[in-house]
N, C-alpha and C. Protein backbone atom coordinates (compact mmCIF):
# COMPACT_ATOMS: atom_id res chain seq x y z
N MET A 1 68.91 116.19 74.71
CA MET A 1 69.79 114.62 74.40
C MET A 1 70.64 114.43 75.75
N SER A 2 71.68 115.41 75.87
CA SER A 2 72.61 115.22 77.09
C SER A 2 71.74 114.95 78.50
N GLU A 3 70.81 115.62 78.63
CA GLU A 3 70.43 115.54 79.75
C GLU A 3 69.43 114.11 80.20
N ASP A 4 69.11 113.65 78.92
CA ASP A 4 68.55 112.17 79.11
C ASP A 4 69.55 110.90 79.08
N ARG A 5 70.91 111.39 78.96
CA ARG A 5 71.91 110.14 78.92
C ARG A 5 72.32 109.40 80.05
N PRO A 6 72.36 110.01 81.22
CA PRO A 6 72.43 109.55 82.51
C PRO A 6 71.24 108.55 82.72
N ASN A 7 70.05 108.87 82.42
CA ASN A 7 68.82 108.09 82.49
C ASN A 7 69.07 106.89 81.63
N ARG A 8 69.41 107.33 80.09
CA ARG A 8 69.69 105.72 79.37
C ARG A 8 70.66 104.90 79.77
N ALA A 9 71.59 105.47 80.45
CA ALA A 9 72.85 104.36 80.84
C ALA A 9 72.47 103.72 82.06
N ALA A 10 71.59 104.35 83.06
CA ALA A 10 71.02 103.97 84.39
C ALA A 10 70.19 102.52 83.77
N GLN A 11 69.25 103.03 82.92
CA GLN A 11 68.46 101.78 82.18
C GLN A 11 69.58 100.53 81.82
N VAL A 12 70.15 100.92 80.99
CA VAL A 12 71.03 99.88 80.28
C VAL A 12 71.99 99.36 81.53
N VAL A 13 72.20 99.82 82.62
CA VAL A 13 72.99 98.97 83.68
C VAL A 13 71.86 98.15 84.44
N ARG A 14 70.60 98.61 84.89
CA ARG A 14 69.80 98.00 85.61
C ARG A 14 69.39 96.79 84.30
N GLN A 15 69.17 97.01 83.46
CA GLN A 15 68.86 95.50 82.41
C GLN A 15 69.99 94.60 82.25
N LEU A 16 71.33 94.99 82.04
CA LEU A 16 72.44 94.08 82.18
C LEU A 16 72.84 93.36 83.06
N GLU A 17 72.47 94.26 84.61
CA GLU A 17 72.79 93.66 85.73
C GLU A 17 71.97 92.20 85.74
N HIS A 18 70.71 92.47 85.66
CA HIS A 18 69.44 91.65 85.88
C HIS A 18 70.11 90.31 84.75
N ASP A 19 70.26 90.68 83.64
CA ASP A 19 70.69 89.74 82.72
C ASP A 19 71.93 88.92 83.08
N ILE A 20 72.92 89.60 83.82
CA ILE A 20 73.96 88.84 84.21
C ILE A 20 73.78 88.08 85.44
N VAL A 21 73.17 88.46 86.71
CA VAL A 21 72.87 87.83 87.96
C VAL A 21 71.45 86.74 87.60
N THR A 22 70.57 86.65 86.64
CA THR A 22 69.89 85.79 86.34
C THR A 22 70.38 84.55 85.34
N GLY A 23 71.62 84.87 84.68
CA GLY A 23 72.21 83.99 84.00
C GLY A 23 71.78 84.17 82.28
N ALA A 24 71.14 84.83 82.11
CA ALA A 24 70.87 85.29 80.33
C ALA A 24 72.15 85.65 79.91
N LEU A 25 73.02 86.49 80.45
CA LEU A 25 74.17 86.58 80.14
C LEU A 25 75.28 85.77 81.03
N LYS A 26 76.06 85.08 80.42
CA LYS A 26 77.01 84.28 81.11
C LYS A 26 78.26 84.67 81.44
N PRO A 27 79.43 84.13 82.52
CA PRO A 27 80.82 84.46 82.35
C PRO A 27 81.14 84.00 80.75
N GLY A 28 81.99 85.39 80.57
CA GLY A 28 82.69 85.09 79.05
C GLY A 28 81.91 85.85 77.96
N ASP A 29 80.57 86.01 77.92
CA ASP A 29 79.98 86.50 76.75
C ASP A 29 80.48 87.73 76.58
N ARG A 30 80.45 88.24 75.26
CA ARG A 30 81.14 89.63 74.62
C ARG A 30 79.86 90.36 74.92
N LEU A 31 80.07 91.94 75.43
CA LEU A 31 79.16 92.65 75.26
C LEU A 31 79.79 93.92 74.21
N ASP A 32 78.94 93.75 73.13
CA ASP A 32 79.41 94.71 71.82
C ASP A 32 78.64 95.82 71.83
N GLU A 33 79.29 96.89 72.16
CA GLU A 33 78.52 98.37 72.19
C GLU A 33 77.57 98.67 70.78
N ARG A 34 77.82 98.14 69.87
CA ARG A 34 77.06 98.29 68.64
C ARG A 34 75.63 97.67 69.08
N GLN A 35 75.97 96.30 69.17
CA GLN A 35 74.47 95.31 69.39
C GLN A 35 73.96 95.59 70.67
N LEU A 36 74.83 96.30 71.62
CA LEU A 36 73.90 96.72 72.72
C LEU A 36 73.04 98.20 72.34
N SER A 37 73.51 98.98 71.65
CA SER A 37 73.09 100.37 71.11
C SER A 37 71.59 99.81 70.18
N GLU A 38 71.83 98.98 69.36
CA GLU A 38 70.85 98.27 68.83
C GLU A 38 69.53 97.57 69.66
N ARG A 39 70.17 97.14 70.43
CA ARG A 39 69.12 96.60 71.44
C ARG A 39 68.31 97.58 72.28
N PHE A 40 69.07 98.44 72.60
CA PHE A 40 68.15 99.63 73.62
C PHE A 40 67.81 100.74 73.23
N GLY A 41 68.06 100.82 71.91
CA GLY A 41 67.52 101.94 70.77
C GLY A 41 68.41 103.26 71.22
N THR A 42 69.49 103.05 71.52
CA THR A 42 70.21 104.55 72.06
C THR A 42 71.45 104.35 71.49
N SER A 43 72.31 105.42 71.34
CA SER A 43 73.59 105.92 70.90
C SER A 43 74.42 104.91 71.67
N ARG A 44 75.79 104.82 71.32
CA ARG A 44 76.69 104.27 72.05
C ARG A 44 77.42 104.70 73.39
N THR A 45 76.82 105.99 73.30
CA THR A 45 77.29 106.89 74.39
C THR A 45 76.92 106.40 76.00
N PRO A 46 75.50 106.20 76.04
CA PRO A 46 75.17 105.88 77.26
C PRO A 46 75.35 104.30 77.45
N VAL A 47 75.72 103.72 76.29
CA VAL A 47 75.85 102.20 76.61
C VAL A 47 77.57 102.01 77.17
N ARG A 48 78.47 103.13 76.40
CA ARG A 48 79.59 102.93 76.93
C ARG A 48 79.84 103.48 78.55
N GLU A 49 78.98 104.19 78.78
CA GLU A 49 78.73 104.63 80.20
C GLU A 49 78.32 103.55 80.87
N ALA A 50 77.38 102.82 80.66
CA ALA A 50 76.63 101.49 81.46
C ALA A 50 77.97 100.64 82.02
N LEU A 51 78.76 100.45 80.40
CA LEU A 51 79.74 99.27 80.30
C LEU A 51 80.76 99.70 81.62
N LEU A 52 81.12 100.88 81.74
CA LEU A 52 82.21 101.25 82.51
C LEU A 52 81.69 101.20 84.02
N GLN A 53 80.44 101.37 84.35
CA GLN A 53 79.70 101.23 85.72
C GLN A 53 79.60 100.08 86.13
N LEU A 54 79.71 99.13 84.91
CA LEU A 54 79.58 97.73 85.46
C LEU A 54 81.03 97.35 85.54
N MET A 55 81.99 97.79 84.81
CA MET A 55 83.34 97.37 85.13
C MET A 55 83.86 97.73 86.46
N ASN A 56 83.40 98.94 86.80
CA ASN A 56 83.35 99.51 88.06
C ASN A 56 82.91 98.62 89.14
N SER A 57 81.80 98.01 89.15
CA SER A 57 81.06 97.40 90.16
C SER A 57 81.75 95.98 90.12
N GLY A 58 82.44 95.68 88.88
CA GLY A 58 82.81 94.12 89.04
C GLY A 58 82.20 93.11 88.37
N LEU A 59 81.12 93.26 87.15
CA LEU A 59 80.30 92.41 86.69
C LEU A 59 80.84 92.37 85.56
N VAL A 60 81.63 93.20 84.98
CA VAL A 60 82.04 93.32 83.43
C VAL A 60 83.46 93.39 83.42
N SER A 61 84.49 92.74 82.92
CA SER A 61 85.82 92.90 82.66
C SER A 61 86.06 93.41 81.18
N SER A 62 87.34 93.98 81.20
CA SER A 62 87.66 94.18 79.91
C SER A 62 88.73 93.49 79.52
N ILE A 63 88.81 92.74 78.31
CA ILE A 63 89.64 91.72 78.07
C ILE A 63 90.46 92.36 76.78
N PRO A 64 92.00 91.99 76.72
CA PRO A 64 92.61 92.70 75.48
C PRO A 64 92.19 91.96 74.28
N ARG A 65 91.87 92.76 73.06
CA ARG A 65 91.36 92.08 71.85
C ARG A 65 90.18 91.57 71.79
N LYS A 66 89.41 91.62 72.68
CA LYS A 66 88.11 90.81 72.97
C LYS A 66 87.02 92.09 73.46
N GLY A 67 87.56 92.99 74.40
CA GLY A 67 86.53 94.18 74.93
C GLY A 67 85.80 93.57 76.09
N ALA A 68 84.63 94.41 76.32
CA ALA A 68 84.01 93.91 77.28
C ALA A 68 83.23 92.68 77.29
N VAL A 69 83.53 91.94 78.45
CA VAL A 69 82.97 90.59 78.63
C VAL A 69 82.21 90.57 80.00
N VAL A 70 81.24 89.52 80.26
CA VAL A 70 80.87 89.55 81.52
C VAL A 70 81.64 88.83 82.65
N ALA A 71 82.02 89.25 83.54
CA ALA A 71 83.29 88.50 84.50
C ALA A 71 82.65 87.24 85.08
N ALA A 72 83.48 86.66 85.69
CA ALA A 72 83.11 85.50 86.35
C ALA A 72 82.89 85.73 87.79
N VAL A 73 82.01 85.15 88.39
CA VAL A 73 81.81 85.56 90.11
C VAL A 73 81.14 84.09 90.21
N THR A 74 81.76 83.60 91.63
CA THR A 74 81.16 82.28 92.15
C THR A 74 80.46 82.81 93.24
N VAL A 75 79.44 81.72 93.69
CA VAL A 75 78.90 81.98 95.07
C VAL A 75 79.80 82.19 96.17
N ALA A 76 81.13 81.38 96.22
CA ALA A 76 81.98 81.72 97.09
C ALA A 76 82.48 82.86 97.16
N ASP A 77 82.78 83.73 96.09
CA ASP A 77 83.18 85.24 95.77
C ASP A 77 82.07 86.03 96.81
N LEU A 78 80.84 85.76 96.21
CA LEU A 78 79.61 86.42 97.06
C LEU A 78 79.77 86.11 98.32
N LEU A 79 79.73 85.31 98.71
CA LEU A 79 79.77 85.21 100.55
C LEU A 79 80.80 85.80 101.00
N GLU A 80 82.06 85.75 100.47
CA GLU A 80 83.20 86.83 101.13
C GLU A 80 83.05 87.90 101.07
N MET A 81 82.15 88.31 100.08
CA MET A 81 81.80 89.88 100.07
C MET A 81 80.72 90.19 100.63
N PHE A 82 79.86 89.50 101.05
CA PHE A 82 78.71 89.61 101.76
C PHE A 82 79.24 89.68 103.14
N GLU A 83 80.43 88.94 103.62
CA GLU A 83 80.81 88.75 104.83
C GLU A 83 81.41 90.19 105.38
N VAL A 84 82.19 90.68 104.44
CA VAL A 84 83.17 91.72 104.40
C VAL A 84 82.24 92.84 104.68
N MET A 85 81.24 93.16 103.68
CA MET A 85 80.24 93.99 103.59
C MET A 85 79.43 94.31 105.06
N ALA A 86 78.92 92.97 105.36
CA ALA A 86 78.36 92.95 107.03
C ALA A 86 79.15 93.73 108.08
N GLU A 87 80.76 93.34 107.88
CA GLU A 87 81.54 94.16 108.99
C GLU A 87 81.52 95.26 108.96
N LEU A 88 81.95 95.93 107.50
CA LEU A 88 82.18 97.43 107.12
C LEU A 88 80.64 98.18 107.59
N GLU A 89 79.56 97.58 107.07
CA GLU A 89 78.04 98.26 107.56
C GLU A 89 78.19 98.72 109.28
N SER A 90 78.82 97.49 109.75
CA SER A 90 78.52 97.31 111.21
C SER A 90 79.10 98.23 111.79
N LEU A 91 80.32 98.69 111.42
CA LEU A 91 81.34 99.47 111.63
C LEU A 91 80.57 101.15 111.76
N CYS A 92 80.19 101.19 110.57
CA CYS A 92 79.62 102.34 109.73
C CYS A 92 78.40 102.99 111.00
N ALA A 93 77.43 101.84 111.13
CA ALA A 93 76.30 102.25 112.15
C ALA A 93 76.96 102.31 113.66
N ARG A 94 77.88 101.71 114.14
CA ARG A 94 78.40 101.78 115.19
C ARG A 94 78.78 103.25 115.43
N LEU A 95 80.03 103.66 114.31
CA LEU A 95 80.16 105.08 114.24
C LEU A 95 79.32 106.27 114.34
N ALA A 96 77.98 105.81 113.76
CA ALA A 96 76.95 106.70 113.44
C ALA A 96 76.40 106.84 114.75
N ALA A 97 76.11 105.86 115.53
CA ALA A 97 75.32 106.00 116.61
C ALA A 97 76.13 107.06 117.74
N ARG A 98 77.59 106.88 117.31
CA ARG A 98 78.47 107.49 118.39
C ARG A 98 78.44 109.17 117.91
N ARG A 99 78.65 109.33 116.52
CA ARG A 99 78.88 110.62 116.01
C ARG A 99 77.51 111.48 115.16
N MET A 100 76.52 110.72 115.10
CA MET A 100 75.22 111.48 114.11
C MET A 100 75.16 112.69 114.71
N GLN A 101 74.79 113.86 114.56
CA GLN A 101 74.00 115.04 115.09
C GLN A 101 72.80 114.97 114.61
N PRO A 102 71.83 115.79 115.69
CA PRO A 102 70.24 115.53 115.64
C PRO A 102 69.73 115.49 114.15
N GLU A 103 70.23 116.63 113.67
CA GLU A 103 69.70 117.11 111.90
C GLU A 103 69.86 115.99 111.18
N GLU A 104 71.22 115.02 111.31
CA GLU A 104 71.59 114.20 110.66
C GLU A 104 70.64 112.80 110.84
N VAL A 105 70.24 112.54 112.27
CA VAL A 105 69.37 111.52 112.59
C VAL A 105 67.96 112.06 111.81
N ALA A 106 67.67 112.89 112.01
CA ALA A 106 66.16 113.51 111.20
C ALA A 106 66.40 113.23 109.89
N GLU A 107 67.46 113.48 109.00
CA GLU A 107 67.32 112.98 107.71
C GLU A 107 67.40 111.60 107.57
N LEU A 108 67.79 110.72 108.52
CA LEU A 108 67.62 109.22 108.26
C LEU A 108 66.35 108.76 108.77
N GLU A 109 65.98 109.41 109.53
CA GLU A 109 64.43 109.09 109.88
C GLU A 109 63.35 109.69 108.54
N ARG A 110 63.80 110.36 107.89
CA ARG A 110 62.94 110.68 106.90
C ARG A 110 63.21 110.09 105.46
N LEU A 111 64.59 109.51 105.44
CA LEU A 111 64.86 108.53 104.61
C LEU A 111 64.05 107.03 104.60
N HIS A 112 64.10 106.72 106.03
CA HIS A 112 63.16 105.82 106.59
C HIS A 112 61.85 105.80 106.09
N LEU A 113 61.20 106.90 106.26
CA LEU A 113 59.73 107.12 106.14
C LEU A 113 59.81 106.78 104.32
N ALA A 114 60.46 107.45 103.57
CA ALA A 114 60.61 107.55 102.31
C ALA A 114 60.54 105.85 102.04
N CYS A 115 61.63 104.97 102.39
CA CYS A 115 61.47 103.77 101.89
C CYS A 115 60.03 102.92 102.30
N LYS A 116 59.56 103.39 103.63
CA LYS A 116 58.24 102.76 103.82
C LYS A 116 57.08 103.08 103.09
N ARG A 117 57.13 104.33 101.89
CA ARG A 117 56.29 104.84 101.13
C ARG A 117 56.29 103.82 99.89
N HIS A 118 57.82 103.45 99.55
CA HIS A 118 57.85 102.53 98.52
C HIS A 118 57.55 101.19 98.97
N LEU A 119 57.62 100.83 99.83
CA LEU A 119 57.00 99.47 100.39
C LEU A 119 55.55 99.31 100.34
N ASP A 120 55.12 100.30 100.73
CA ASP A 120 53.52 100.19 100.50
C ASP A 120 53.15 100.19 99.24
N ALA A 121 53.93 101.07 98.38
CA ALA A 121 53.52 101.07 96.78
C ALA A 121 54.14 99.75 96.30
N GLY A 122 54.61 98.87 96.84
CA GLY A 122 55.04 97.84 95.98
C GLY A 122 56.05 98.24 94.93
N ASP A 123 56.82 99.33 95.45
CA ASP A 123 58.09 99.74 94.34
C ASP A 123 59.31 99.45 94.98
N HIS A 124 59.57 98.14 94.04
CA HIS A 124 60.98 97.50 94.56
C HIS A 124 62.11 98.44 94.08
N ASP A 125 62.16 99.19 92.73
CA ASP A 125 63.26 99.99 92.68
C ASP A 125 63.28 101.25 93.38
N GLY A 126 61.98 101.71 93.47
CA GLY A 126 62.16 103.02 94.23
C GLY A 126 62.73 102.72 95.68
N TYR A 127 62.41 101.65 96.35
CA TYR A 127 62.84 100.95 97.73
C TYR A 127 64.27 100.98 97.74
N TYR A 128 65.04 100.35 96.65
CA TYR A 128 66.06 100.22 96.59
C TYR A 128 67.04 101.41 96.49
N LEU A 129 66.76 102.24 95.50
CA LEU A 129 67.32 103.57 95.64
C LEU A 129 67.45 104.25 96.71
N THR A 130 66.16 104.40 97.52
CA THR A 130 66.11 105.11 98.95
C THR A 130 66.85 104.68 100.01
N ASN A 131 66.82 103.01 99.86
CA ASN A 131 67.67 102.14 100.80
C ASN A 131 68.95 102.55 100.32
N VAL A 132 69.60 102.75 99.16
CA VAL A 132 71.05 103.26 99.08
C VAL A 132 71.24 104.37 99.76
N ALA A 133 70.36 105.50 99.77
CA ALA A 133 70.90 106.70 100.50
C ALA A 133 70.29 106.62 101.86
N PHE A 134 69.75 105.61 102.51
CA PHE A 134 69.45 105.65 103.89
C PHE A 134 70.81 104.90 104.34
N HIS A 135 71.70 104.06 103.51
CA HIS A 135 72.58 103.59 104.01
C HIS A 135 73.80 104.56 103.96
N GLU A 136 73.74 105.42 102.91
CA GLU A 136 74.87 106.13 102.91
C GLU A 136 74.91 107.24 103.94
N ALA A 137 73.57 107.70 104.47
CA ALA A 137 73.43 108.82 105.25
C ALA A 137 74.17 108.01 106.62
N ILE A 138 74.19 106.81 107.01
CA ILE A 138 74.57 106.21 108.16
C ILE A 138 76.54 106.33 107.71
N TYR A 139 76.57 106.09 106.72
CA TYR A 139 78.09 106.00 106.21
C TYR A 139 78.79 107.38 106.75
N ALA A 140 77.99 108.32 106.08
CA ALA A 140 78.49 109.87 106.31
C ALA A 140 78.37 109.94 107.69
N GLY A 141 77.39 109.44 108.51
CA GLY A 141 77.20 109.96 109.80
C GLY A 141 78.39 109.30 110.80
N GLY A 142 79.09 108.53 110.51
CA GLY A 142 80.17 108.13 111.03
C GLY A 142 81.31 109.20 111.16
N ARG A 143 81.42 109.91 110.02
CA ARG A 143 82.78 110.64 109.85
C ARG A 143 83.87 110.00 109.65
N ASN A 144 84.13 109.09 108.92
CA ASN A 144 85.32 108.30 108.27
C ASN A 144 85.19 108.28 106.90
N SER A 145 86.09 109.09 106.43
CA SER A 145 85.82 108.98 104.94
C SER A 145 86.88 107.86 104.31
N TYR A 146 87.78 107.22 104.96
CA TYR A 146 88.48 106.18 104.69
C TYR A 146 87.34 105.17 104.59
N LEU A 147 86.77 104.90 105.91
CA LEU A 147 85.65 103.77 105.85
C LEU A 147 84.53 104.03 104.68
N VAL A 148 83.96 105.15 104.36
CA VAL A 148 83.18 105.40 103.72
C VAL A 148 83.38 105.04 102.32
N ARG A 149 84.78 105.37 102.05
CA ARG A 149 85.19 104.76 100.50
C ARG A 149 85.17 103.38 100.30
N ASN A 150 85.78 102.66 101.11
CA ASN A 150 85.76 101.25 100.96
C ASN A 150 84.49 100.48 101.07
N THR A 151 83.73 101.13 102.03
CA THR A 151 82.21 100.57 102.41
C THR A 151 81.58 100.80 101.07
N LYS A 152 81.69 101.63 100.36
CA LYS A 152 80.89 102.26 99.09
C LYS A 152 81.24 101.10 98.15
N GLN A 153 82.88 101.08 97.64
CA GLN A 153 83.34 100.23 96.76
C GLN A 153 83.01 98.70 97.20
N VAL A 154 82.78 98.20 98.25
CA VAL A 154 82.03 96.90 98.32
C VAL A 154 80.82 97.03 98.08
N ARG A 155 80.05 98.02 98.36
CA ARG A 155 78.67 97.75 98.13
C ARG A 155 78.31 98.09 96.50
N ASN A 156 79.10 98.84 96.00
CA ASN A 156 78.88 98.85 94.73
C ASN A 156 78.88 97.38 93.95
N ARG A 157 80.07 96.64 94.46
CA ARG A 157 80.19 95.43 93.84
C ARG A 157 79.12 94.57 94.20
N LEU A 158 78.24 94.60 95.08
CA LEU A 158 77.26 93.75 95.48
C LEU A 158 75.88 94.17 95.11
N SER A 159 75.68 95.41 94.64
CA SER A 159 74.53 96.14 94.23
C SER A 159 73.54 95.58 93.50
N PRO A 160 74.16 94.76 92.47
CA PRO A 160 73.01 93.63 91.69
C PRO A 160 72.18 92.72 92.60
N TYR A 161 73.07 92.16 93.67
CA TYR A 161 72.67 91.15 94.11
C TYR A 161 71.76 91.59 95.30
N ARG A 162 72.04 92.77 95.98
CA ARG A 162 71.10 93.19 96.95
C ARG A 162 69.91 93.75 96.27
N ARG A 163 69.87 94.34 95.13
CA ARG A 163 68.80 94.61 94.55
C ARG A 163 67.56 93.59 94.14
N LEU A 164 68.40 92.47 93.55
CA LEU A 164 67.60 91.11 93.42
C LEU A 164 67.02 90.64 94.57
N GLN A 165 67.71 90.53 95.71
CA GLN A 165 67.01 90.20 97.11
C GLN A 165 65.60 90.73 97.42
N LEU A 166 65.76 92.15 97.18
CA LEU A 166 64.51 92.68 97.26
C LEU A 166 63.39 91.99 96.99
N TYR A 167 63.35 91.15 95.86
CA TYR A 167 62.17 90.76 95.19
C TYR A 167 61.77 89.28 95.65
N ARG A 168 62.63 88.81 96.82
CA ARG A 168 62.31 87.62 97.57
C ARG A 168 61.25 87.93 98.16
N LYS A 169 60.22 87.15 98.32
CA LYS A 169 58.84 87.35 98.99
C LYS A 169 59.01 87.62 100.38
N GLY A 170 58.81 88.92 100.89
CA GLY A 170 58.41 89.33 102.08
C GLY A 170 59.99 90.02 102.46
N ARG A 171 60.92 90.32 101.59
CA ARG A 171 62.35 90.94 102.01
C ARG A 171 62.14 92.16 102.16
N MET A 172 61.53 92.91 101.11
CA MET A 172 61.46 94.29 101.43
C MET A 172 60.57 94.72 102.70
N ALA A 173 59.69 93.91 103.13
CA ALA A 173 58.88 94.50 104.44
C ALA A 173 59.95 94.06 105.73
N SER A 174 60.71 92.93 105.80
CA SER A 174 61.67 92.66 106.71
C SER A 174 62.70 93.82 106.77
N SER A 175 63.16 94.07 105.60
CA SER A 175 64.12 94.80 105.42
C SER A 175 63.76 96.34 106.02
N ASN A 176 62.52 96.57 105.65
CA ASN A 176 62.14 97.96 106.72
C ASN A 176 61.90 97.96 107.92
N SER A 177 61.39 96.84 108.55
CA SER A 177 61.43 96.48 110.01
C SER A 177 62.75 96.25 110.64
N GLU A 178 63.83 96.17 109.85
CA GLU A 178 65.31 96.33 110.39
C GLU A 178 65.45 97.65 110.26
N HIS A 179 65.18 98.37 109.47
CA HIS A 179 65.66 99.79 109.59
C HIS A 179 64.90 100.38 110.56
N ASP A 180 63.98 99.97 111.07
CA ASP A 180 63.21 100.55 112.23
C ASP A 180 64.11 100.50 113.48
N ALA A 181 64.72 99.45 113.50
CA ALA A 181 65.62 99.25 114.81
C ALA A 181 66.85 99.80 114.37
N ILE A 182 67.36 100.05 113.55
CA ILE A 182 68.70 100.60 113.43
C ILE A 182 68.61 101.89 113.78
N VAL A 183 67.45 102.85 113.14
CA VAL A 183 67.28 104.06 113.56
C VAL A 183 67.10 104.40 115.01
N ALA A 184 66.26 103.25 115.41
CA ALA A 184 66.18 103.60 117.05
C ALA A 184 67.37 103.48 117.75
N ALA A 185 68.34 102.32 117.68
CA ALA A 185 69.69 102.18 118.35
C ALA A 185 70.25 103.59 118.00
N ILE A 186 70.50 104.00 116.72
CA ILE A 186 71.46 105.07 116.14
C ILE A 186 70.98 106.43 116.99
N LYS A 187 69.59 106.78 117.12
CA LYS A 187 69.05 107.82 117.77
C LYS A 187 69.06 107.44 119.25
N ALA A 188 69.10 106.49 119.63
CA ALA A 188 69.69 106.25 121.30
C ALA A 188 71.05 106.33 121.66
N GLY A 189 72.01 106.58 120.53
CA GLY A 189 73.33 106.38 120.88
C GLY A 189 74.00 104.95 121.21
N ASP A 190 73.00 103.83 121.11
CA ASP A 190 73.70 102.53 121.32
C ASP A 190 74.63 102.12 120.39
N GLU A 191 76.03 102.01 120.54
CA GLU A 191 76.86 101.74 119.50
C GLU A 191 77.00 100.27 119.28
N ASP A 192 76.68 99.43 120.30
CA ASP A 192 76.82 98.16 120.19
C ASP A 192 75.63 97.29 119.62
N LEU A 193 74.53 97.99 119.89
CA LEU A 193 73.16 97.31 119.53
C LEU A 193 73.06 97.89 117.73
N ALA A 194 73.52 99.12 117.51
CA ALA A 194 73.69 99.53 116.23
C ALA A 194 74.17 98.61 115.23
N ALA A 195 75.53 98.24 115.56
CA ALA A 195 76.46 97.46 115.03
C ALA A 195 75.83 96.19 114.80
N ASN A 196 75.34 95.36 115.96
CA ASN A 196 75.04 93.88 115.78
C ASN A 196 73.72 94.01 114.86
N ILE A 197 72.55 95.13 115.06
CA ILE A 197 71.72 95.05 114.05
C ILE A 197 72.11 95.27 112.71
N MET A 198 72.83 96.32 112.29
CA MET A 198 73.30 96.24 110.84
C MET A 198 74.25 95.17 110.45
N ARG A 199 74.80 94.34 111.31
CA ARG A 199 75.58 93.19 110.80
C ARG A 199 74.33 92.12 110.19
N ASP A 200 73.27 92.06 110.94
CA ASP A 200 72.51 90.93 110.91
C ASP A 200 71.52 91.58 109.83
N HIS A 201 71.21 92.84 109.57
CA HIS A 201 70.76 93.19 108.43
C HIS A 201 71.31 92.90 106.85
N VAL A 202 72.62 92.92 107.06
CA VAL A 202 73.68 92.85 105.77
C VAL A 202 73.74 91.33 105.49
N THR A 203 74.06 90.80 106.35
CA THR A 203 74.56 89.55 106.56
C THR A 203 73.51 88.44 105.54
N VAL A 204 74.16 87.63 104.71
CA VAL A 204 73.45 86.75 103.93
C VAL A 204 73.78 85.50 104.60
N GLN A 205 72.60 84.81 105.19
CA GLN A 205 72.72 83.62 105.86
C GLN A 205 71.61 82.75 105.84
N GLY A 206 71.71 81.59 106.32
CA GLY A 206 70.37 80.81 106.42
C GLY A 206 69.45 80.76 105.48
N GLN A 207 68.15 80.93 105.69
CA GLN A 207 67.37 80.85 104.40
C GLN A 207 67.33 81.96 103.42
N ALA A 208 68.10 83.09 103.68
CA ALA A 208 68.17 84.24 102.82
C ALA A 208 69.20 83.71 101.92
N LEU A 209 70.49 83.05 102.19
CA LEU A 209 71.50 82.30 101.44
C LEU A 209 70.82 81.33 100.95
N ASN A 210 70.27 80.64 100.88
CA ASN A 210 69.37 79.41 100.37
C ASN A 210 68.59 79.77 99.07
N ASP A 211 68.06 81.01 99.41
CA ASP A 211 66.91 81.80 98.38
C ASP A 211 67.84 82.52 97.59
N LEU A 212 69.23 83.25 97.69
CA LEU A 212 69.88 83.81 96.94
C LEU A 212 70.92 82.77 96.01
N ILE A 213 71.11 81.77 96.59
CA ILE A 213 71.81 80.53 95.59
C ILE A 213 70.83 80.04 94.76
N ALA A 214 69.22 79.89 95.19
CA ALA A 214 68.51 79.38 94.17
C ALA A 214 68.11 80.36 93.09
N ILE A 215 68.24 81.52 93.43
CA ILE A 215 67.92 82.46 92.01
C ILE A 215 68.98 82.71 91.21
N LEU A 216 70.22 82.38 91.53
CA LEU A 216 71.29 82.57 90.72
C LEU A 216 71.60 81.51 89.62
N PRO A 217 72.29 81.75 88.59
CA PRO A 217 72.44 80.87 87.34
C PRO A 217 73.20 79.75 88.08
N ARG A 218 73.32 78.57 87.59
CA ARG A 218 74.08 77.65 87.75
C ARG A 218 75.81 77.89 87.54
N THR A 219 75.80 78.80 86.69
CA THR A 219 77.38 79.36 86.44
C THR A 219 78.23 79.83 87.63
N TYR A 220 77.36 80.17 88.38
CA TYR A 220 77.92 80.73 89.97
C TYR A 220 78.27 79.62 90.66
N LEU A 221 77.78 78.60 90.77
CA LEU A 221 78.05 77.40 91.43
C LEU A 221 79.28 76.63 90.85
N ASP A 222 79.98 77.22 89.92
CA ASP A 222 81.27 76.56 89.17
C ASP A 222 82.26 77.33 89.76
N GLU A 223 83.05 76.62 90.87
CA GLU A 223 84.43 77.28 91.32
C GLU A 223 85.03 77.68 90.24
N ARG A 224 85.29 77.18 88.97
CA ARG A 224 86.49 76.95 88.17
C ARG A 224 85.91 78.14 86.94
N ALA A 225 84.55 78.78 87.33
CA ALA A 225 84.49 79.65 86.31
C ALA A 225 85.33 80.81 86.04
N SER A 226 85.59 81.04 84.61
CA SER A 226 86.76 82.32 84.60
C SER A 226 86.21 82.86 83.16
N ALA A 227 86.42 84.39 83.28
CA ALA A 227 86.13 85.24 82.22
C ALA A 227 86.90 84.68 80.90
């Protein structure tokens, strides 16, 4: 039973992430452990673990005498976080192009090919998980633990929205194509090119921004939203 618990918790996290970013759950909605346990047909332990993960990512807040509730996030919040994320990942790619060893580049290429297999299979969740590993290989390749910690912190906060973006028509294919260019720049040791391509890869602007706003619930457009 204990071996299955992490999988159960991950399933609860994915569904609650989806409910929050699509508006099925709104800012301030209470997340009761007993009700969630009944909904997902599991014990409270994986539900509690899922809520802790969601609190760490900022999607859920803990309110005194109320417990876990859906946190308030606005489009402005998201844009600011994506702006910071783009610069952090750009620096990671720059350092990786300078410091990655051949065996690490080979692992990055392996992960890139794995992403391509998920793309060909139309497996959005598989692509997302391998994409996370791809980016983390670049973080590690830069050999700056402080940068890695801060990049992961912001990445985790944005993970539901980055996952959601992969369901935009054609986004998974364009993401994989951008990975091609990132790998090539890192392999060539071209710091400026790697940094610029990664920044563009992570930045949400233009049509991508419009699409993201279109699929978010209307509560995200209310600057006064609060939990």
